[in-house]
């Protein structure tokens, strides 16, 4: 069940490159939703706008990193990434 070729084996082997960025992205996107729903009165506040924009930026970066690492696990995706890095 936890063989090197199974999905669970791959997730266990790549815990810090896949799971952590996905959890970080989920937390950051959830925080953006909380800011949207809970801070209506202070939505004109510059500090809330800045925090919201930073959360969105970090969410995008974490999502891209997680997606890039998931694509790298597939043989075709790994070959595409190696070709991209060599060019």
PDB file of N, CA and C in Angstrom:
ATOM      1  N   UNK A   1       0.823  -1.198   0.000  1.00  0.00           N
ATOM      2  CA  UNK A   1       0.000   0.000   0.000  1.00  0.00           C
ATOM      3  C   UNK A   1       0.863   1.256   0.000  1.00  0.00           C
ATOM      4  N   UNK A   2       1.952   1.257   0.751  1.00  0.00           N
ATOM      5  CA  UNK A   2       2.834   2.425   0.781  1.00  0.00           C
ATOM      6  C   UNK A   2       4.093   2.181  -0.032  1.00  0.00           C
ATOM      7  N   UNK A   3       3.945   1.494  -1.157  1.00  0.00           N
ATOM      8  CA  UNK A   3       5.092   1.270  -2.018  1.00  0.00           C
ATOM      9  C   UNK A   3       5.563   2.572  -2.647  1.00  0.00           C
ATOM     10  N   UNK A   4       6.776   2.523  -3.173  1.00  0.00           N
ATOM     11  CA  UNK A   4       7.364   3.737  -3.751  1.00  0.00           C
ATOM     12  C   UNK A   4       6.585   4.228  -4.966  1.00  0.00           C
ATOM     13  N   UNK A   5       5.895   3.324  -5.661  1.00  0.00           N
ATOM     14  CA  UNK A   5       5.162   3.717  -6.872  1.00  0.00           C
ATOM     15  C   UNK A   5       3.704   4.084  -6.597  1.00  0.00           C
ATOM     16  N   UNK A   6       3.199   3.822  -5.395  1.00  0.00           N
ATOM     17  CA  UNK A   6       1.799   4.145  -5.098  1.00  0.00           C
ATOM     18  C   UNK A   6       1.662   5.641  -4.813  1.00  0.00           C
ATOM     19  N   UNK A   7       0.450   6.127  -4.887  1.00  0.00           N
ATOM     20  CA  UNK A   7       0.205   7.553  -4.656  1.00  0.00           C
ATOM     21  C   UNK A   7       0.526   7.931  -3.223  1.00  0.00           C
ATOM     22  N   UNK A   8       0.230   7.024  -2.280  1.00  0.00           N
ATOM     23  CA  UNK A   8       0.524   7.328  -0.883  1.00  0.00           C
ATOM     24  C   UNK A   8       2.025   7.301  -0.614  1.00  0.00           C
ATOM     25  N   UNK A   9       2.729   6.403  -1.290  1.00  0.00           N
ATOM     26  CA  UNK A   9       4.180   6.371  -1.160  1.00  0.00           C
ATOM     27  C   UNK A   9       4.826   7.627  -1.717  1.00  0.00           C
ATOM     28  N   UNK A  10       4.295   8.107  -2.844  1.00  0.00           N
ATOM     29  CA  UNK A  10       4.816   9.342  -3.429  1.00  0.00           C
ATOM     30  C   UNK A  10       4.526  10.542  -2.529  1.00  0.00           C
ATOM     31  N   UNK A  11       3.320  10.583  -1.955  1.00  0.00           N
ATOM     32  CA  UNK A  11       2.990  11.689  -1.054  1.00  0.00           C
ATOM     33  C   UNK A  11       3.847  11.652   0.203  1.00  0.00           C
ATOM     34  N   UNK A  12       4.096  10.450   0.733  1.00  0.00           N
ATOM     35  CA  UNK A  12       4.946  10.333   1.927  1.00  0.00           C
ATOM     36  C   UNK A  12       6.377  10.757   1.613  1.00  0.00           C
ATOM     37  N   UNK A  13       6.876  10.366   0.447  1.00  0.00           N
ATOM     38  CA  UNK A  13       8.246  10.714   0.066  1.00  0.00           C
ATOM     39  C   UNK A  13       8.388  12.205  -0.233  1.00  0.00           C
ATOM     40  N   UNK A  14       7.310  12.844  -0.667  1.00  0.00           N
ATOM     41  CA  UNK A  14       7.354  14.245  -1.063  1.00  0.00           C
ATOM     42  C   UNK A  14       6.521  15.113  -0.133  1.00  0.00           C
ATOM     43  N   UNK A  15       6.541  14.813   1.144  1.00  0.00           N
ATOM     44  CA  UNK A  15       5.712  15.510   2.122  1.00  0.00           C
ATOM     45  C   UNK A  15       5.963  17.010   2.108  1.00  0.00           C
ATOM     46  N   UNK A  16       7.220  17.414   2.110  1.00  0.00           N
ATOM     47  CA  UNK A  16       7.533  18.839   2.217  1.00  0.00           C
ATOM     48  C   UNK A  16       7.456  19.567   0.879  1.00  0.00           C
ATOM     49  N   UNK A  17       7.469  18.849  -0.224  1.00  0.00           N
ATOM     50  CA  UNK A  17       7.392  19.520  -1.522  1.00  0.00           C
ATOM     51  C   UNK A  17       5.980  19.586  -2.073  1.00  0.00           C
ATOM     52  N   UNK A  18       5.066  18.748  -1.550  1.00  0.00           N
ATOM     53  CA  UNK A  18       3.690  18.757  -2.057  1.00  0.00           C
ATOM     54  C   UNK A  18       2.692  19.120  -0.971  1.00  0.00           C
ATOM     55  N   UNK A  19       2.700  18.379   0.123  1.00  0.00           N
ATOM     56  CA  UNK A  19       1.676  18.542   1.149  1.00  0.00           C
ATOM     57  C   UNK A  19       1.768  19.908   1.824  1.00  0.00           C
ATOM     58  N   UNK A  20       2.960  20.322   2.207  1.00  0.00           N
ATOM     59  CA  UNK A  20       3.117  21.605   2.912  1.00  0.00           C
ATOM     60  C   UNK A  20       2.692  22.787   2.036  1.00  0.00           C
ATOM     61  N   UNK A  21       3.111  22.872   0.750  1.00  0.00           N
ATOM     62  CA  UNK A  21       2.609  23.990  -0.067  1.00  0.00           C
ATOM     63  C   UNK A  21       1.097  23.964  -0.275  1.00  0.00           C
ATOM     64  N   UNK A  22       0.502  22.776  -0.395  1.00  0.00           N
ATOM     65  CA  UNK A  22      -0.953  22.699  -0.555  1.00  0.00           C
ATOM     66  C   UNK A  22      -1.647  23.183   0.706  1.00  0.00           C
ATOM     67  N   UNK A  23      -1.160  22.751   1.881  1.00  0.00           N
ATOM     68  CA  UNK A  23      -1.755  23.206   3.134  1.00  0.00           C
ATOM     69  C   UNK A  23      -1.570  24.710   3.327  1.00  0.00           C
ATOM     70  N   UNK A  24      -0.398  25.229   2.973  1.00  0.00           N
ATOM     71  CA  UNK A  24      -0.155  26.667   3.071  1.00  0.00           C
ATOM     72  C   UNK A  24      -1.094  27.436   2.150  1.00  0.00           C
ATOM     73  N   UNK A  25      -1.249  26.968   0.926  1.00  0.00           N
ATOM     74  CA  UNK A  25      -2.148  27.635  -0.015  1.00  0.00           C
ATOM     75  C   UNK A  25      -3.590  27.597   0.480  1.00  0.00           C
ATOM     76  N   UNK A  26      -4.016  26.447   0.998  1.00  0.00           N
ATOM     77  CA  UNK A  26      -5.392  26.340   1.509  1.00  0.00           C
ATOM     78  C   UNK A  26      -5.610  27.291   2.685  1.00  0.00           C
ATOM     79  N   UNK A  27      -4.646  27.374   3.582  1.00  0.00           N
ATOM     80  CA  UNK A  27      -4.778  28.272   4.725  1.00  0.00           C
ATOM     81  C   UNK A  27      -4.839  29.728   4.285  1.00  0.00           C
ATOM     82  N   UNK A  28      -3.974  30.093   3.347  1.00  0.00           N
ATOM     83  CA  UNK A  28      -3.939  31.487   2.894  1.00  0.00           C
ATOM     84  C   UNK A  28      -5.220  31.847   2.157  1.00  0.00           C
ATOM     85  N   UNK A  29      -5.724  30.957   1.284  1.00  0.00           N
ATOM     86  CA  UNK A  29      -6.972  31.239   0.569  1.00  0.00           C
ATOM     87  C   UNK A  29      -8.137  31.313   1.542  1.00  0.00           C
ATOM     88  N   UNK A  30      -8.118  30.473   2.597  1.00  0.00           N
ATOM     89  CA  UNK A  30      -9.166  30.547   3.613  1.00  0.00           C
ATOM     90  C   UNK A  30      -9.103  31.892   4.339  1.00  0.00           C
ATOM     91  N   UNK A  31      -7.892  32.364   4.622  1.00  0.00           N
ATOM     92  CA  UNK A  31      -7.749  33.652   5.299  1.00  0.00           C
ATOM     93  C   UNK A  31      -8.284  34.791   4.433  1.00  0.00           C
ATOM     94  N   UNK A  32      -8.116  34.714   3.128  1.00  0.00           N
ATOM     95  CA  UNK A  32      -8.669  35.734   2.233  1.00  0.00           C
ATOM     96  C   UNK A  32     -10.190  35.722   2.315  1.00  0.00           C
ATOM     97  N   UNK A  33     -10.782  34.528   2.359  1.00  0.00           N
ATOM     98  CA  UNK A  33     -12.233  34.430   2.499  1.00  0.00           C
ATOM     99  C   UNK A  33     -12.722  35.002   3.811  1.00  0.00           C
ATOM    100  N   UNK A  34     -11.973  34.770   4.880  1.00  0.00           N
ATOM    101  CA  UNK A  34     -12.346  35.328   6.174  1.00  0.00           C
ATOM    102  C   UNK A  34     -12.258  36.846   6.138  1.00  0.00           C
ATOM    103  N   UNK A  35     -11.219  37.377   5.516  1.00  0.00           N
ATOM    104  CA  UNK A  35     -11.099  38.830   5.403  1.00  0.00           C
ATOM    105  C   UNK A  35     -12.260  39.416   4.610  1.00  0.00           C
ATOM    106  N   UNK A  36     -12.692  38.712   3.571  1.00  0.00           N
ATOM    107  CA  UNK A  36     -13.819  39.202   2.773  1.00  0.00           C
ATOM    108  C   UNK A  36     -15.108  39.215   3.570  1.00  0.00           C
ATOM    109  N   UNK A  37     -15.332  38.165   4.348  1.00  0.00           N
ATOM    110  CA  UNK A  37     -16.619  38.023   5.033  1.00  0.00           C
ATOM    111  C   UNK A  37     -16.688  38.715   6.386  1.00  0.00           C
ATOM    112  N   UNK A  38     -15.595  38.805   7.083  1.00  0.00           N
ATOM    113  CA  UNK A  38     -15.636  39.293   8.456  1.00  0.00           C
ATOM    114  C   UNK A  38     -15.246  40.765   8.604  1.00  0.00           C
ATOM    115  N   UNK A  39     -14.579  41.320   7.628  1.00  0.00           N
ATOM    116  CA  UNK A  39     -14.065  42.680   7.778  1.00  0.00           C
ATOM    117  C   UNK A  39     -14.815  43.654   6.881  1.00  0.00           C
ATOM    118  N   UNK A  40     -16.125  43.563   6.850  1.00  0.00           N
ATOM    119  CA  UNK A  40     -16.900  44.445   5.966  1.00  0.00           C
ATOM    120  C   UNK A  40     -16.812  45.902   6.392  1.00  0.00           C
ATOM    121  N   UNK A  41     -16.873  46.149   7.682  1.00  0.00           N
ATOM    122  CA  UNK A  41     -16.813  47.543   8.136  1.00  0.00           C
ATOM    123  C   UNK A  41     -15.440  48.150   7.893  1.00  0.00           C
ATOM    124  N   UNK A  42     -14.436  47.328   8.012  1.00  0.00           N
ATOM    125  CA  UNK A  42     -13.081  47.860   7.832  1.00  0.00           C
ATOM    126  C   UNK A  42     -12.544  47.564   6.437  1.00  0.00           C
ATOM    127  N   UNK A  43     -13.421  47.263   5.487  1.00  0.00           N
ATOM    128  CA  UNK A  43     -12.951  46.939   4.143  1.00  0.00           C
ATOM    129  C   UNK A  43     -12.316  48.144   3.453  1.00  0.00           C
ATOM    130  N   UNK A  44     -12.627  49.343   3.911  1.00  0.00           N
ATOM    131  CA  UNK A  44     -11.975  50.529   3.361  1.00  0.00           C
ATOM    132  C   UNK A  44     -10.624  50.783   4.022  1.00  0.00           C
ATOM    133  N   UNK A  45     -10.302  50.023   5.039  1.00  0.00           N
ATOM    134  CA  UNK A  45      -9.043  50.196   5.756  1.00  0.00           C
ATOM    135  C   UNK A  45      -7.877  49.774   4.870  1.00  0.00           C
ATOM    136  N   UNK A  46      -6.846  50.597   4.835  1.00  0.00           N
ATOM    137  CA  UNK A  46      -5.674  50.280   4.015  1.00  0.00           C
ATOM    138  C   UNK A  46      -4.949  49.044   4.521  1.00  0.00           C
ATOM    139  N   UNK A  47      -4.890  48.851   5.824  1.00  0.00           N
ATOM    140  CA  UNK A  47      -4.177  47.687   6.354  1.00  0.00           C
ATOM    141  C   UNK A  47      -4.873  46.388   5.974  1.00  0.00           C
ATOM    142  N   UNK A  48      -6.206  46.379   5.966  1.00  0.00           N
ATOM    143  CA  UNK A  48      -6.936  45.174   5.562  1.00  0.00           C
ATOM    144  C   UNK A  48      -6.715  44.911   4.080  1.00  0.00           C
ATOM    145  N   UNK A  49      -6.705  45.946   3.275  1.00  0.00           N
ATOM    146  CA  UNK A  49      -6.462  45.773   1.838  1.00  0.00           C
ATOM    147  C   UNK A  49      -5.064  45.228   1.575  1.00  0.00           C
ATOM    148  N   UNK A  50      -4.076  45.725   2.295  1.00  0.00           N
ATOM    149  CA  UNK A  50      -2.701  45.259   2.118  1.00  0.00           C
ATOM    150  C   UNK A  50      -2.572  43.794   2.544  1.00  0.00           C
ATOM    151  N   UNK A  51      -3.141  43.459   3.694  1.00  0.00           N
ATOM    152  CA  UNK A  51      -3.075  42.076   4.176  1.00  0.00           C
ATOM    153  C   UNK A  51      -3.772  41.136   3.199  1.00  0.00           C
ATOM    154  N   UNK A  52      -4.907  41.567   2.662  1.00  0.00           N
ATOM    155  CA  UNK A  52      -5.641  40.743   1.707  1.00  0.00           C
ATOM    156  C   UNK A  52      -4.827  40.528   0.433  1.00  0.00           C
ATOM    157  N   UNK A  53      -4.193  41.574  -0.065  1.00  0.00           N
ATOM    158  CA  UNK A  53      -3.371  41.444  -1.281  1.00  0.00           C
ATOM    159  C   UNK A  53      -2.163  40.549  -1.050  1.00  0.00           C
ATOM    160  N   UNK A  54      -1.554  40.658   0.132  1.00  0.00           N
ATOM    161  CA  UNK A  54      -0.404  39.801   0.451  1.00  0.00           C
ATOM    162  C   UNK A  54      -0.846  38.347   0.557  1.00  0.00           C
ATOM    163  N   UNK A  55      -1.998  38.109   1.182  1.00  0.00           N
ATOM    164  CA  UNK A  55      -2.507  36.744   1.268  1.00  0.00           C
ATOM    165  C   UNK A  55      -2.799  36.179  -0.123  1.00  0.00           C
ATOM    166  N   UNK A  56      -3.344  36.979  -0.995  1.00  0.00           N
ATOM    167  CA  UNK A  56      -3.619  36.516  -2.354  1.00  0.00           C
ATOM    168  C   UNK A  56      -2.319  36.195  -3.082  1.00  0.00           C
ATOM    169  N   UNK A  57      -1.315  37.043  -2.949  1.00  0.00           N
ATOM    170  CA  UNK A  57      -0.029  36.796  -3.606  1.00  0.00           C
ATOM    171  C   UNK A  57       0.629  35.524  -3.081  1.00  0.00           C
ATOM    172  N   UNK A  58       0.646  35.346  -1.767  1.00  0.00           N
ATOM    173  CA  UNK A  58       1.251  34.152  -1.195  1.00  0.00           C
ATOM    174  C   UNK A  58       0.452  32.912  -1.585  1.00  0.00           C
ATOM    175  N   UNK A  59      -0.873  33.024  -1.644  1.00  0.00           N
ATOM    176  CA  UNK A  59      -1.709  31.905  -2.080  1.00  0.00           C
ATOM    177  C   UNK A  59      -1.411  31.490  -3.509  1.00  0.00           C
ATOM    178  N   UNK A  60      -1.232  32.455  -4.382  1.00  0.00           N
ATOM    179  CA  UNK A  60      -0.897  32.151  -5.778  1.00  0.00           C
ATOM    180  C   UNK A  60       0.460  31.472  -5.857  1.00  0.00           C
ATOM    181  N   UNK A  61       1.447  31.999  -5.149  1.00  0.00           N
ATOM    182  CA  UNK A  61       2.788  31.412  -5.175  1.00  0.00           C
ATOM    183  C   UNK A  61       2.777  29.991  -4.630  1.00  0.00           C
ATOM    184  N   UNK A  62       2.113  29.766  -3.499  1.00  0.00           N
ATOM    185  CA  UNK A  62       2.066  28.421  -2.912  1.00  0.00           C
ATOM    186  C   UNK A  62       1.322  27.446  -3.820  1.00  0.00           C
ATOM    187  N   UNK A  63       0.266  27.904  -4.482  1.00  0.00           N
ATOM    188  CA  UNK A  63      -0.482  27.040  -5.393  1.00  0.00           C
ATOM    189  C   UNK A  63       0.367  26.662  -6.602  1.00  0.00           C
ATOM    190  N   UNK A  64       1.100  27.614  -7.146  1.00  0.00           N
ATOM    191  CA  UNK A  64       1.970  27.337  -8.301  1.00  0.00           C
ATOM    192  C   UNK A  64       3.085  26.372  -7.913  1.00  0.00           C
ATOM    193  N   UNK A  65       3.692  26.569  -6.754  1.00  0.00           N
ATOM    194  CA  UNK A  65       4.758  25.675  -6.310  1.00  0.00           C
ATOM    195  C   UNK A  65       4.231  24.259  -6.119  1.00  0.00           C
ATOM    196  N   UNK A  66       3.080  24.122  -5.478  1.00  0.00           N
ATOM    197  CA  UNK A  66       2.490  22.794  -5.276  1.00  0.00           C
ATOM    198  C   UNK A  66       2.151  22.139  -6.618  1.00  0.00           C
ATOM    199  N   UNK A  67       1.559  22.890  -7.523  1.00  0.00           N
ATOM    200  CA  UNK A  67       1.239  22.349  -8.840  1.00  0.00           C
ATOM    201  C   UNK A  67       2.471  21.939  -9.617  1.00  0.00           C
ATOM    202  N   UNK A  68       3.514  22.747  -9.548  1.00  0.00           N
ATOM    203  CA  UNK A  68       4.777  22.442 -10.221  1.00  0.00           C
ATOM    204  C   UNK A  68       5.363  21.146  -9.672  1.00  0.00           C
ATOM    205  N   UNK A  69       5.329  20.963  -8.353  1.00  0.00           N
ATOM    206  CA  UNK A  69       5.872  19.748  -7.745  1.00  0.00           C
ATOM    207  C   UNK A  69       5.025  18.520  -8.064  1.00  0.00           C
ATOM    208  N   UNK A  70       3.715  18.683  -8.174  1.00  0.00           N
ATOM    209  CA  UNK A  70       2.857  17.560  -8.539  1.00  0.00           C
ATOM    210  C   UNK A  70       3.108  17.157  -9.991  1.00  0.00           C
ATOM    211  N   UNK A  71       3.252  18.128 -10.875  1.00  0.00           N
ATOM    212  CA  UNK A  71       3.549  17.828 -12.279  1.00  0.00           C
ATOM    213  C   UNK A  71       4.898  17.136 -12.405  1.00  0.00           C
ATOM    214  N   UNK A  72       5.859  17.511 -11.589  1.00  0.00           N
ATOM    215  CA  UNK A  72       7.194  16.917 -11.656  1.00  0.00           C
ATOM    216  C   UNK A  72       7.186  15.440 -11.265  1.00  0.00           C
ATOM    217  N   UNK A  73       6.176  14.979 -10.542  1.00  0.00           N
ATOM    218  CA  UNK A  73       6.107  13.565 -10.161  1.00  0.00           C
ATOM    219  C   UNK A  73       5.781  12.659 -11.339  1.00  0.00           C
ATOM    220  N   UNK A  74       5.049  13.155 -12.306  1.00  0.00           N
ATOM    221  CA  UNK A  74       4.669  12.351 -13.465  1.00  0.00           C
ATOM    222  C   UNK A  74       5.865  12.254 -14.405  1.00  0.00           C
ATOM    223  N   UNK A  75       6.088  11.100 -15.030  1.00  0.00           N
ATOM    224  CA  UNK A  75       7.256  10.972 -15.931  1.00  0.00           C
ATOM    225  C   UNK A  75       7.271  11.999 -17.060  1.00  0.00           C
ATOM    226  N   UNK A  76       6.125  12.260 -17.677  1.00  0.00           N
ATOM    227  CA  UNK A  76       6.071  13.241 -18.761  1.00  0.00           C
ATOM    228  C   UNK A  76       6.305  14.648 -18.208  1.00  0.00           C
ATOM    229  N   UNK A  77       5.681  14.948 -17.075  1.00  0.00           N
ATOM    230  CA  UNK A  77       5.879  16.258 -16.460  1.00  0.00           C
ATOM    231  C   UNK A  77       7.322  16.468 -16.028  1.00  0.00           C
ATOM    232  N   UNK A  78       7.946  15.417 -15.479  1.00  0.00           N
ATOM    233  CA  UNK A  78       9.352  15.516 -15.089  1.00  0.00           C
ATOM    234  C   UNK A  78      10.252  15.777 -16.284  1.00  0.00           C
ATOM    235  N   UNK A  79       9.944  15.129 -17.409  1.00  0.00           N
ATOM    236  CA  UNK A  79      10.731  15.356 -18.627  1.00  0.00           C
ATOM    237  C   UNK A  79      10.545  16.780 -19.144  1.00  0.00           C
ATOM    238  N   UNK A  80       9.303  17.284 -19.084  1.00  0.00           N
ATOM    239  CA  UNK A  80       9.058  18.664 -19.522  1.00  0.00           C
ATOM    240  C   UNK A  80       9.826  19.653 -18.647  1.00  0.00           C
ATOM    241  N   UNK A  81       9.839  19.417 -17.349  1.00  0.00           N
ATOM    242  CA  UNK A  81      10.524  20.325 -16.437  1.00  0.00           C
ATOM    243  C   UNK A  81      12.027  20.272 -16.652  1.00  0.00           C
ATOM    244  N   UNK A  82      12.573  19.064 -16.865  1.00  0.00           N
ATOM    245  CA  UNK A  82      14.015  18.956 -17.128  1.00  0.00           C
ATOM    246  C   UNK A  82      14.378  19.676 -18.419  1.00  0.00           C
ATOM    247  N   UNK A  83      13.544  19.531 -19.469  1.00  0.00           N
ATOM    248  CA  UNK A  83      13.800  20.228 -20.738  1.00  0.00           C
ATOM    249  C   UNK A  83      13.694  21.732 -20.562  1.00  0.00           C
ATOM    250  N   UNK A  84      12.743  22.176 -19.754  1.00  0.00           N
ATOM    251  CA  UNK A  84      12.577  23.601 -19.505  1.00  0.00           C
ATOM    252  C   UNK A  84      13.788  24.177 -18.760  1.00  0.00           C
ATOM    253  N   UNK A  85      14.309  23.425 -17.797  1.00  0.00           N
ATOM    254  CA  UNK A  85      15.460  23.893 -17.015  1.00  0.00           C
ATOM    255  C   UNK A  85      16.724  23.902 -17.850  1.00  0.00           C
ATOM    256  N   UNK A  86      16.846  22.980 -18.815  1.00  0.00           N
ATOM    257  CA  UNK A  86      18.061  22.910 -19.635  1.00  0.00           C
ATOM    258  C   UNK A  86      18.100  23.999 -20.697  1.00  0.00           C
ATOM    259  N   UNK A  87      16.957  24.545 -21.061  1.00  0.00           N
ATOM    260  CA  UNK A  87      16.930  25.582 -22.111  1.00  0.00           C
ATOM    261  C   UNK A  87      17.154  26.907 -21.554  1.00  0.00           C
TER     262      UNK A  87
END
